[in-house]
Amino acid sequence: FVLNDLGRLLAVHIMHTALVSGWAGSMALYELAVFDPSDPVLDPMWRQGMFVIPFMTRLGITDRVTGATLSRRRARASRVLLRRLCYVEPPGPH
């Protein structure tokens, strides 16, 4: 059983991540190969059957209220803050 073995559980999750990211990468390359940008008004991405690339364009750090992308300075500050909050110091004598 997978849940009783921590190493196997971790391996299954890593393999799942690899499969999903491999599928997304190969689909993005396929969509990029068949995409025709000649008329974006009358033949947009969704009409050409694009699925992965439109969702990939929405990824990023955004402000939930306005939907605007955060500046690099604010993104870096939030990363440093999260890094310090999530850092666990190993136990031992000080």
C-alpha atoms as a PDB file:
ATOM      1  CA  PHE A   1       0.000   0.000   0.000  1.00  0.00           C
ATOM      2  CA  VAL A   2       1.421   3.375  -1.023  1.00  0.00           C
ATOM      3  CA  LEU A   3       0.419   5.381   2.052  1.00  0.00           C
ATOM      4  CA  ASN A   4       2.378   3.144   4.442  1.00  0.00           C
ATOM      5  CA  ASP A   5       5.711   3.723   2.689  1.00  0.00           C
ATOM      6  CA  LEU A   6       6.858   7.344   2.739  1.00  0.00           C
ATOM      7  CA  GLY A   7       9.493   6.861   0.028  1.00  0.00           C
ATOM      8  CA  ARG A   8       7.024   5.247  -2.333  1.00  0.00           C
ATOM      9  CA  LEU A   9       4.473   7.992  -1.672  1.00  0.00           C
ATOM     10  CA  LEU A  10       7.071  10.630  -2.522  1.00  0.00           C
ATOM     11  CA  ALA A  11       8.128   8.731  -5.658  1.00  0.00           C
ATOM     12  CA  VAL A  12       4.523   8.459  -6.848  1.00  0.00           C
ATOM     13  CA  HIS A  13       4.006  12.201  -6.412  1.00  0.00           C
ATOM     14  CA  ILE A  14       7.252  13.032  -8.220  1.00  0.00           C
ATOM     15  CA  MET A  15       6.265  10.732 -11.085  1.00  0.00           C
ATOM     16  CA  HIS A  16       2.817  12.318 -11.290  1.00  0.00           C
ATOM     17  CA  THR A  17       4.393  15.775 -11.450  1.00  0.00           C
ATOM     18  CA  ALA A  18       6.731  14.600 -14.203  1.00  0.00           C
ATOM     19  CA  LEU A  19       3.859  13.133 -16.229  1.00  0.00           C
ATOM     20  CA  VAL A  20       1.679  16.241 -15.922  1.00  0.00           C
ATOM     21  CA  SER A  21       4.494  18.665 -16.730  1.00  0.00           C
ATOM     22  CA  GLY A  22       5.613  16.490 -19.638  1.00  0.00           C
ATOM     23  CA  TRP A  23       2.091  16.446 -21.035  1.00  0.00           C
ATOM     24  CA  ALA A  24       1.722  20.223 -20.619  1.00  0.00           C
ATOM     25  CA  GLY A  25       5.088  20.877 -22.262  1.00  0.00           C
ATOM     26  CA  SER A  26       4.434  18.604 -25.222  1.00  0.00           C
ATOM     27  CA  MET A  27       0.936  20.033 -25.741  1.00  0.00           C
ATOM     28  CA  ALA A  28       2.309  23.584 -25.582  1.00  0.00           C
ATOM     29  CA  LEU A  29       4.915  22.740 -28.228  1.00  0.00           C
ATOM     30  CA  TYR A  30       2.239  21.125 -30.412  1.00  0.00           C
ATOM     31  CA  GLU A  31      -0.079  24.122 -30.063  1.00  0.00           C
ATOM     32  CA  LEU A  32       2.789  26.461 -30.861  1.00  0.00           C
ATOM     33  CA  ALA A  33       3.543  24.450 -34.004  1.00  0.00           C
ATOM     34  CA  VAL A  34      -0.034  24.561 -35.329  1.00  0.00           C
ATOM     35  CA  PHE A  35      -0.920  28.101 -34.171  1.00  0.00           C
ATOM     36  CA  ASP A  36      -1.742  30.575 -36.949  1.00  0.00           C
ATOM     37  CA  PRO A  37      -1.348  34.178 -35.698  1.00  0.00           C
ATOM     38  CA  SER A  38      -2.309  35.755 -39.051  1.00  0.00           C
ATOM     39  CA  ASP A  39      -5.790  36.930 -37.954  1.00  0.00           C
ATOM     40  CA  PRO A  40      -6.196  37.105 -34.150  1.00  0.00           C
ATOM     41  CA  VAL A  41      -9.589  38.845 -34.391  1.00  0.00           C
ATOM     42  CA  LEU A  42     -11.502  36.436 -36.635  1.00  0.00           C
ATOM     43  CA  ASP A  43      -9.501  33.326 -35.751  1.00  0.00           C
ATOM     44  CA  PRO A  44      -8.480  33.582 -32.066  1.00  0.00           C
ATOM     45  CA  MET A  45      -6.661  30.928 -30.071  1.00  0.00           C
ATOM     46  CA  TRP A  46      -9.784  29.346 -28.628  1.00  0.00           C
ATOM     47  CA  ARG A  47     -11.287  28.890 -32.102  1.00  0.00           C
ATOM     48  CA  GLN A  48      -8.108  27.138 -33.236  1.00  0.00           C
ATOM     49  CA  GLY A  49      -8.500  24.584 -30.454  1.00  0.00           C
ATOM     50  CA  MET A  50      -5.805  25.948 -28.166  1.00  0.00           C
ATOM     51  CA  PHE A  51      -6.070  24.765 -24.572  1.00  0.00           C
ATOM     52  CA  VAL A  52      -2.705  24.872 -22.810  1.00  0.00           C
ATOM     53  CA  ILE A  53      -1.165  28.114 -24.109  1.00  0.00           C
ATOM     54  CA  PRO A  54      -4.074  30.402 -23.067  1.00  0.00           C
ATOM     55  CA  PHE A  55      -3.908  29.016 -19.530  1.00  0.00           C
ATOM     56  CA  MET A  56      -0.116  29.316 -19.430  1.00  0.00           C
ATOM     57  CA  THR A  57      -0.403  33.014 -20.263  1.00  0.00           C
ATOM     58  CA  ARG A  58      -2.511  33.528 -17.145  1.00  0.00           C
ATOM     59  CA  LEU A  59       0.131  32.107 -14.796  1.00  0.00           C
ATOM     60  CA  GLY A  60       2.164  34.448 -12.646  1.00  0.00           C
ATOM     61  CA  ILE A  61       2.039  36.551  -9.529  1.00  0.00           C
ATOM     62  CA  THR A  62      -1.021  38.760  -9.701  1.00  0.00           C
ATOM     63  CA  ASP A  63      -2.935  41.065  -7.423  1.00  0.00           C
ATOM     64  CA  ARG A  64      -6.285  39.395  -6.765  1.00  0.00           C
ATOM     65  CA  VAL A  65      -8.203  42.668  -6.434  1.00  0.00           C
ATOM     66  CA  THR A  66      -7.221  44.393  -9.668  1.00  0.00           C
ATOM     67  CA  GLY A  67      -5.692  41.478 -11.563  1.00  0.00           C
ATOM     68  CA  ALA A  68      -2.541  43.503 -12.246  1.00  0.00           C
ATOM     69  CA  THR A  69       0.820  41.782 -12.198  1.00  0.00           C
ATOM     70  CA  LEU A  70       2.926  42.640  -9.178  1.00  0.00           C
ATOM     71  CA  SER A  71       6.190  44.492  -9.623  1.00  0.00           C
ATOM     72  CA  ARG A  72       9.460  42.612  -9.409  1.00  0.00           C
ATOM     73  CA  ARG A  73      10.327  44.391  -6.183  1.00  0.00           C
ATOM     74  CA  ARG A  74       7.111  43.265  -4.473  1.00  0.00           C
ATOM     75  CA  ALA A  75       7.467  39.733  -5.832  1.00  0.00           C
ATOM     76  CA  ARG A  76      11.056  39.531  -4.563  1.00  0.00           C
ATOM     77  CA  ALA A  77      10.021  40.899  -1.158  1.00  0.00           C
ATOM     78  CA  SER A  78       7.230  38.343  -0.838  1.00  0.00           C
ATOM     79  CA  ARG A  79       9.627  35.553  -1.817  1.00  0.00           C
ATOM     80  CA  VAL A  80      12.150  36.635   0.828  1.00  0.00           C
ATOM     81  CA  LEU A  81       9.390  36.883   3.434  1.00  0.00           C
ATOM     82  CA  LEU A  82       8.007  33.437   2.595  1.00  0.00           C
ATOM     83  CA  ARG A  83      11.502  31.981   2.553  1.00  0.00           C
ATOM     84  CA  ARG A  84      12.162  33.302   6.065  1.00  0.00           C
ATOM     85  CA  LEU A  85       8.767  32.172   7.338  1.00  0.00           C
ATOM     86  CA  CYS A  86       9.085  28.662   5.911  1.00  0.00           C
ATOM     87  CA  TYR A  87      12.693  28.086   6.964  1.00  0.00           C
ATOM     88  CA  VAL A  88      12.917  25.514   9.724  1.00  0.00           C
ATOM     89  CA  GLU A  89      16.117  25.580  11.727  1.00  0.00           C
ATOM     90  CA  PRO A  90      17.444  22.106  12.478  1.00  0.00           C
ATOM     91  CA  PRO A  91      17.417  21.172  16.157  1.00  0.00           C
ATOM     92  CA  GLY A  92      20.703  21.155  17.974  1.00  0.00           C
ATOM     93  CA  PRO A  93      22.818  22.996  20.505  1.00  0.00           C
ATOM     94  CA  HIS A  94      23.310  26.709  19.929  1.00  0.00           C
END
